[in-house]
Each structure stands twice: as structure tokens, then as C-alpha cells.
Amino acid sequence: MAYVDYEYYKNTFGGSLDEVTAKKLLEESSDQIDRLTYGRIRKRGFNNLTEYQQELIKKAVCHQTDFLDNYGEYLSSPLDGFSIGDVSLSFDKSNQGAGGIIADKKVLDYLAQTGLTVRRL
């Protein structure tokens, strides 16, 4: 179950993906957010979190959705990066969170503010 519906993604966040693509990626992003938070959102229940935490999670899901749309095909590659002529692309390991999930820095920042990404909880 995605933490964000298409209406929120499109109207509140201002996302630009079509509905079919967005729904698929919102679901995938929500699953990744669960891994980045060690499953704490599902364990506690999204509706049991504070409004502040819920809003940060929604923003994180939307940013991760756009990140997956832009870089998803590269993220699923077995390579850490590649070069073609003068163009080089590599993924910064500082953008890697729990479970090996590579995320946009904004996603990691939003989730850090929720307090749900601390390992020792």
C-alpha cells in the first residue's frame, strides 16, 4: 500500500508523471521507504504517526518516486556507474540508506527528521 495517492502526488507535491506510472512508482517508493525506516512505519501504523511525520513521509515518497522515474533504469543495473565518451555517471554511496536503497538526498533528509531511521530504536 502506497503512503501517497496520485491526487496528493499530482496536486499537493506537483508531480508530473502520468497516473499509471505514478501509481506504480508510488507503491515501489513506499516499499523502499519502509526499508529505509526498518519497517517502523508499517509496524506502528502510518495513521498512528504524528501529522508532522506523516507529511515528511509523504514528501519522501514523492521525491523518491521522481528519483526512480529519472534514474530507476540505472539503479537496477549491476554497475555502480559507467562512462561513455566524455560523459560519466556514478552513484554516490552517501545516498545509500538501509537495505542498500539508493535514494535522493532529500528523501534521506526528510526521513531523518521523522526519527524512524535511527538503527537503535
N, C-alpha and C. Protein backbone atom coordinates (compact mmCIF):
# COMPACT_ATOMS: atom_id res chain seq x y z
N MET A 1 0.84 -1.18 0.00
CA MET A 1 0.00 0.00 0.00
C MET A 1 0.88 1.25 0.00
N ALA A 2 0.65 2.13 -0.93
CA ALA A 2 1.42 3.37 -1.02
C ALA A 2 0.99 4.35 0.05
N TYR A 3 1.95 5.10 0.57
CA TYR A 3 1.66 6.12 1.59
C TYR A 3 1.12 7.40 0.97
N VAL A 4 1.17 7.48 -0.35
CA VAL A 4 0.72 8.67 -1.06
C VAL A 4 -0.18 8.24 -2.21
N ASP A 5 -1.30 8.92 -2.37
CA ASP A 5 -2.15 8.62 -3.52
C ASP A 5 -1.79 9.57 -4.67
N TYR A 6 -2.33 9.27 -5.83
CA TYR A 6 -2.00 10.05 -7.02
C TYR A 6 -2.44 11.51 -6.87
N GLU A 7 -3.57 11.74 -6.22
CA GLU A 7 -4.07 13.12 -6.06
C GLU A 7 -3.06 13.96 -5.28
N TYR A 8 -2.53 13.41 -4.19
CA TYR A 8 -1.52 14.13 -3.40
C TYR A 8 -0.28 14.38 -4.25
N TYR A 9 0.18 13.32 -4.93
CA TYR A 9 1.38 13.44 -5.75
C TYR A 9 1.22 14.54 -6.80
N LYS A 10 0.10 14.54 -7.48
CA LYS A 10 -0.13 15.48 -8.58
C LYS A 10 -0.44 16.89 -8.08
N ASN A 11 -1.38 17.01 -7.14
CA ASN A 11 -1.89 18.32 -6.75
C ASN A 11 -1.13 19.00 -5.62
N THR A 12 -0.71 18.25 -4.62
CA THR A 12 0.00 18.85 -3.49
C THR A 12 1.50 18.92 -3.75
N PHE A 13 2.07 17.80 -4.16
CA PHE A 13 3.50 17.75 -4.43
C PHE A 13 3.85 18.44 -5.75
N GLY A 14 2.94 18.38 -6.71
CA GLY A 14 3.19 18.98 -8.02
C GLY A 14 3.93 18.05 -8.96
N GLY A 15 3.71 16.75 -8.79
CA GLY A 15 4.36 15.75 -9.63
C GLY A 15 3.89 15.82 -11.07
N SER A 16 4.73 15.34 -11.98
CA SER A 16 4.42 15.46 -13.40
C SER A 16 4.19 14.12 -14.11
N LEU A 17 4.28 13.02 -13.38
CA LEU A 17 4.10 11.71 -14.02
C LEU A 17 2.64 11.43 -14.31
N ASP A 18 2.40 10.62 -15.35
CA ASP A 18 1.03 10.21 -15.64
C ASP A 18 0.56 9.27 -14.53
N GLU A 19 -0.75 9.08 -14.44
CA GLU A 19 -1.33 8.34 -13.32
C GLU A 19 -0.85 6.89 -13.22
N VAL A 20 -0.78 6.20 -14.33
CA VAL A 20 -0.38 4.79 -14.32
C VAL A 20 1.06 4.64 -13.82
N THR A 21 1.96 5.43 -14.39
CA THR A 21 3.36 5.38 -13.99
C THR A 21 3.53 5.81 -12.54
N ALA A 22 2.86 6.89 -12.16
CA ALA A 22 2.98 7.41 -10.80
C ALA A 22 2.51 6.39 -9.77
N LYS A 23 1.37 5.75 -10.01
CA LYS A 23 0.85 4.78 -9.04
C LYS A 23 1.83 3.63 -8.85
N LYS A 24 2.40 3.15 -9.93
CA LYS A 24 3.38 2.06 -9.84
C LYS A 24 4.60 2.49 -9.03
N LEU A 25 5.13 3.67 -9.34
CA LEU A 25 6.33 4.14 -8.66
C LEU A 25 6.05 4.60 -7.23
N LEU A 26 4.85 5.11 -6.96
CA LEU A 26 4.49 5.47 -5.58
C LEU A 26 4.48 4.23 -4.69
N GLU A 27 3.99 3.14 -5.23
CA GLU A 27 3.97 1.87 -4.49
C GLU A 27 5.41 1.39 -4.24
N GLU A 28 6.23 1.41 -5.28
CA GLU A 28 7.62 0.98 -5.14
C GLU A 28 8.38 1.88 -4.17
N SER A 29 8.15 3.18 -4.28
CA SER A 29 8.80 4.13 -3.38
C SER A 29 8.39 3.91 -1.93
N SER A 30 7.12 3.63 -1.71
CA SER A 30 6.64 3.37 -0.35
C SER A 30 7.32 2.13 0.23
N ASP A 31 7.50 1.11 -0.60
CA ASP A 31 8.21 -0.10 -0.15
C ASP A 31 9.65 0.23 0.22
N GLN A 32 10.28 1.09 -0.59
CA GLN A 32 11.66 1.47 -0.30
C GLN A 32 11.74 2.32 0.98
N ILE A 33 10.76 3.18 1.18
CA ILE A 33 10.71 3.99 2.41
C ILE A 33 10.58 3.07 3.62
N ASP A 34 9.81 2.01 3.49
CA ASP A 34 9.70 1.03 4.57
C ASP A 34 11.06 0.42 4.90
N ARG A 35 11.81 0.09 3.87
CA ARG A 35 13.14 -0.49 4.11
C ARG A 35 14.07 0.52 4.74
N LEU A 36 13.98 1.77 4.29
CA LEU A 36 14.85 2.82 4.85
C LEU A 36 14.53 3.13 6.31
N THR A 37 13.30 2.83 6.73
CA THR A 37 12.89 3.08 8.12
C THR A 37 12.80 1.78 8.92
N TYR A 38 13.41 0.72 8.40
CA TYR A 38 13.44 -0.58 9.10
C TYR A 38 12.05 -1.12 9.40
N GLY A 39 11.08 -0.82 8.55
CA GLY A 39 9.73 -1.33 8.71
C GLY A 39 8.94 -0.70 9.84
N ARG A 40 9.44 0.39 10.39
CA ARG A 40 8.79 1.01 11.56
C ARG A 40 7.46 1.67 11.22
N ILE A 41 7.30 2.14 10.01
CA ILE A 41 6.03 2.80 9.64
C ILE A 41 4.91 1.77 9.66
N ARG A 42 5.12 0.65 9.00
CA ARG A 42 4.09 -0.40 8.97
C ARG A 42 3.86 -0.98 10.36
N LYS A 43 4.94 -1.14 11.12
CA LYS A 43 4.83 -1.72 12.46
C LYS A 43 3.97 -0.83 13.37
N ARG A 44 4.21 0.47 13.33
CA ARG A 44 3.46 1.41 14.17
C ARG A 44 2.11 1.77 13.57
N GLY A 45 2.02 1.70 12.26
CA GLY A 45 0.82 2.13 11.56
C GLY A 45 0.96 3.58 11.14
N PHE A 46 0.83 3.84 9.85
CA PHE A 46 1.01 5.19 9.32
C PHE A 46 0.12 6.19 10.05
N ASN A 47 -1.13 5.83 10.29
CA ASN A 47 -2.08 6.75 10.94
C ASN A 47 -1.76 6.99 12.40
N ASN A 48 -0.91 6.17 13.00
CA ASN A 48 -0.51 6.36 14.40
C ASN A 48 0.69 7.28 14.55
N LEU A 49 1.29 7.68 13.44
CA LEU A 49 2.41 8.61 13.47
C LEU A 49 1.87 10.03 13.62
N THR A 50 2.72 10.96 14.02
CA THR A 50 2.29 12.35 14.14
C THR A 50 2.02 12.91 12.74
N GLU A 51 1.25 13.98 12.68
CA GLU A 51 0.97 14.62 11.38
C GLU A 51 2.27 15.08 10.73
N TYR A 52 3.19 15.56 11.55
CA TYR A 52 4.50 16.01 11.06
C TYR A 52 5.25 14.85 10.40
N GLN A 53 5.30 13.70 11.06
CA GLN A 53 5.96 12.53 10.50
C GLN A 53 5.26 12.08 9.22
N GLN A 54 3.94 12.05 9.22
CA GLN A 54 3.18 11.64 8.03
C GLN A 54 3.50 12.54 6.85
N GLU A 55 3.56 13.84 7.08
CA GLU A 55 3.83 14.78 5.98
C GLU A 55 5.25 14.59 5.44
N LEU A 56 6.21 14.39 6.33
CA LEU A 56 7.59 14.15 5.89
C LEU A 56 7.69 12.86 5.08
N ILE A 57 6.99 11.84 5.50
CA ILE A 57 6.99 10.56 4.78
C ILE A 57 6.36 10.73 3.40
N LYS A 58 5.27 11.47 3.31
CA LYS A 58 4.62 11.71 2.01
C LYS A 58 5.57 12.44 1.07
N LYS A 59 6.26 13.47 1.58
CA LYS A 59 7.22 14.20 0.75
C LYS A 59 8.35 13.27 0.30
N ALA A 60 8.83 12.44 1.22
CA ALA A 60 9.90 11.50 0.88
C ALA A 60 9.46 10.53 -0.21
N VAL A 61 8.25 10.02 -0.11
CA VAL A 61 7.72 9.09 -1.12
C VAL A 61 7.64 9.78 -2.48
N CYS A 62 7.16 11.01 -2.51
CA CYS A 62 7.04 11.73 -3.78
C CYS A 62 8.40 12.00 -4.41
N HIS A 63 9.36 12.43 -3.60
CA HIS A 63 10.70 12.68 -4.13
C HIS A 63 11.34 11.38 -4.62
N GLN A 64 11.15 10.29 -3.89
CA GLN A 64 11.71 9.01 -4.31
C GLN A 64 11.05 8.53 -5.60
N THR A 65 9.77 8.81 -5.75
CA THR A 65 9.05 8.44 -6.98
C THR A 65 9.67 9.13 -8.18
N ASP A 66 9.91 10.44 -8.07
CA ASP A 66 10.54 11.16 -9.18
C ASP A 66 11.97 10.67 -9.41
N PHE A 67 12.69 10.38 -8.32
CA PHE A 67 14.05 9.86 -8.42
C PHE A 67 14.07 8.52 -9.17
N LEU A 68 13.14 7.64 -8.82
CA LEU A 68 13.05 6.35 -9.51
C LEU A 68 12.69 6.53 -10.98
N ASP A 69 11.82 7.48 -11.28
CA ASP A 69 11.45 7.73 -12.67
C ASP A 69 12.67 8.20 -13.46
N ASN A 70 13.48 9.06 -12.86
CA ASN A 70 14.64 9.61 -13.55
C ASN A 70 15.82 8.64 -13.64
N TYR A 71 16.05 7.87 -12.58
CA TYR A 71 17.26 7.06 -12.50
C TYR A 71 17.03 5.56 -12.31
N GLY A 72 15.79 5.14 -12.28
CA GLY A 72 15.46 3.75 -11.99
C GLY A 72 16.16 2.73 -12.85
N GLU A 73 16.25 2.99 -14.15
CA GLU A 73 16.89 2.02 -15.04
C GLU A 73 18.37 1.88 -14.73
N TYR A 74 19.00 2.94 -14.24
CA TYR A 74 20.42 2.87 -13.87
C TYR A 74 20.59 2.20 -12.51
N LEU A 75 19.63 2.43 -11.61
CA LEU A 75 19.72 1.87 -10.26
C LEU A 75 19.60 0.35 -10.27
N SER A 76 18.85 -0.18 -11.23
CA SER A 76 18.67 -1.63 -11.30
C SER A 76 19.81 -2.32 -12.05
N SER A 77 20.73 -1.53 -12.55
CA SER A 77 21.89 -2.08 -13.25
C SER A 77 22.88 -2.65 -12.24
N PRO A 78 23.59 -3.71 -12.59
CA PRO A 78 24.58 -4.27 -11.67
C PRO A 78 25.84 -3.41 -11.54
N LEU A 79 25.94 -2.35 -12.33
CA LEU A 79 27.12 -1.49 -12.32
C LEU A 79 26.93 -0.34 -11.33
N ASP A 80 28.04 0.15 -10.76
CA ASP A 80 27.99 1.32 -9.88
C ASP A 80 27.99 2.61 -10.68
N GLY A 81 28.39 2.53 -11.92
CA GLY A 81 28.45 3.70 -12.78
C GLY A 81 28.95 3.29 -14.16
N PHE A 82 29.02 4.27 -15.05
CA PHE A 82 29.54 3.97 -16.38
C PHE A 82 29.99 5.26 -17.05
N SER A 83 30.78 5.11 -18.09
CA SER A 83 31.27 6.24 -18.87
C SER A 83 31.05 5.97 -20.34
N ILE A 84 30.65 7.00 -21.04
CA ILE A 84 30.51 6.94 -22.49
C ILE A 84 31.13 8.22 -23.03
N GLY A 85 32.28 8.09 -23.67
CA GLY A 85 32.97 9.27 -24.17
C GLY A 85 33.33 10.20 -23.02
N ASP A 86 32.87 11.44 -23.12
CA ASP A 86 33.15 12.44 -22.09
C ASP A 86 32.12 12.44 -20.97
N VAL A 87 31.10 11.60 -21.07
CA VAL A 87 30.04 11.57 -20.07
C VAL A 87 30.26 10.41 -19.10
N SER A 88 30.20 10.72 -17.81
CA SER A 88 30.39 9.70 -16.79
C SER A 88 29.26 9.80 -15.78
N LEU A 89 28.75 8.66 -15.34
CA LEU A 89 27.67 8.63 -14.36
C LEU A 89 28.02 7.59 -13.30
N SER A 90 27.97 8.01 -12.04
CA SER A 90 28.18 7.07 -10.94
C SER A 90 27.27 7.48 -9.80
N PHE A 91 26.93 6.51 -8.95
CA PHE A 91 26.03 6.78 -7.85
C PHE A 91 26.82 6.91 -6.56
N ASP A 92 26.60 8.02 -5.89
CA ASP A 92 27.27 8.35 -4.64
C ASP A 92 26.75 7.44 -3.54
N LYS A 93 27.65 6.75 -2.86
CA LYS A 93 27.25 5.81 -1.80
C LYS A 93 26.66 6.54 -0.59
N SER A 94 26.88 7.85 -0.48
CA SER A 94 26.29 8.59 0.65
C SER A 94 24.77 8.71 0.48
N ASN A 95 24.28 8.40 -0.72
CA ASN A 95 22.84 8.40 -0.97
C ASN A 95 22.23 7.03 -0.71
N GLN A 96 22.99 6.15 -0.12
CA GLN A 96 22.52 4.79 0.12
C GLN A 96 22.08 4.68 1.58
N GLY A 97 20.87 4.19 1.76
CA GLY A 97 20.33 4.01 3.10
C GLY A 97 20.24 2.55 3.48
N ALA A 98 19.44 2.27 4.48
CA ALA A 98 19.25 0.91 4.98
C ALA A 98 18.78 -0.01 3.85
N GLY A 99 19.24 -1.24 3.90
CA GLY A 99 18.84 -2.22 2.90
C GLY A 99 19.45 -1.98 1.54
N GLY A 100 20.45 -1.08 1.46
CA GLY A 100 21.10 -0.80 0.19
C GLY A 100 20.28 0.06 -0.76
N ILE A 101 19.21 0.66 -0.25
CA ILE A 101 18.36 1.51 -1.08
C ILE A 101 19.09 2.80 -1.42
N ILE A 102 19.18 3.12 -2.70
CA ILE A 102 19.75 4.39 -3.13
C ILE A 102 18.60 5.37 -3.28
N ALA A 103 18.73 6.51 -2.61
CA ALA A 103 17.64 7.48 -2.59
C ALA A 103 18.17 8.88 -2.83
N ASP A 104 17.28 9.74 -3.23
CA ASP A 104 17.57 11.16 -3.35
C ASP A 104 17.95 11.69 -1.97
N LYS A 105 18.90 12.62 -1.90
CA LYS A 105 19.31 13.18 -0.60
C LYS A 105 18.13 13.80 0.15
N LYS A 106 17.20 14.40 -0.57
CA LYS A 106 16.02 14.99 0.08
C LYS A 106 15.22 13.91 0.81
N VAL A 107 15.12 12.74 0.20
CA VAL A 107 14.39 11.62 0.81
C VAL A 107 15.03 11.26 2.14
N LEU A 108 16.35 11.09 2.13
CA LEU A 108 17.06 10.72 3.35
C LEU A 108 16.94 11.81 4.41
N ASP A 109 16.97 13.07 3.99
CA ASP A 109 16.82 14.18 4.93
C ASP A 109 15.43 14.21 5.55
N TYR A 110 14.40 14.06 4.73
CA TYR A 110 13.03 14.03 5.26
C TYR A 110 12.85 12.88 6.25
N LEU A 111 13.35 11.70 5.90
CA LEU A 111 13.18 10.54 6.77
C LEU A 111 13.97 10.68 8.06
N ALA A 112 15.14 11.30 8.00
CA ALA A 112 15.93 11.51 9.21
C ALA A 112 15.15 12.37 10.21
N GLN A 113 14.39 13.33 9.70
CA GLN A 113 13.60 14.21 10.57
C GLN A 113 12.45 13.49 11.26
N THR A 114 12.05 12.34 10.74
CA THR A 114 10.95 11.59 11.37
C THR A 114 11.41 10.84 12.61
N GLY A 115 12.71 10.60 12.73
CA GLY A 115 13.23 9.81 13.84
C GLY A 115 13.09 8.32 13.62
N LEU A 116 12.64 7.90 12.45
CA LEU A 116 12.38 6.48 12.18
C LEU A 116 13.55 5.76 11.51
N THR A 117 14.64 6.48 11.24
CA THR A 117 15.77 5.86 10.55
C THR A 117 16.93 5.53 11.48
N VAL A 118 16.78 5.82 12.76
CA VAL A 118 17.84 5.54 13.73
C VAL A 118 17.88 4.04 13.99
N ARG A 119 19.03 3.44 13.85
CA ARG A 119 19.15 1.98 13.97
C ARG A 119 18.79 1.45 15.35
N ARG A 120 19.11 2.19 16.39
CA ARG A 120 18.98 1.65 17.74
C ARG A 120 17.59 1.76 18.34
N LEU A 121 16.61 2.20 17.60
CA LEU A 121 15.25 2.30 18.14
C LEU A 121 14.66 0.95 18.43
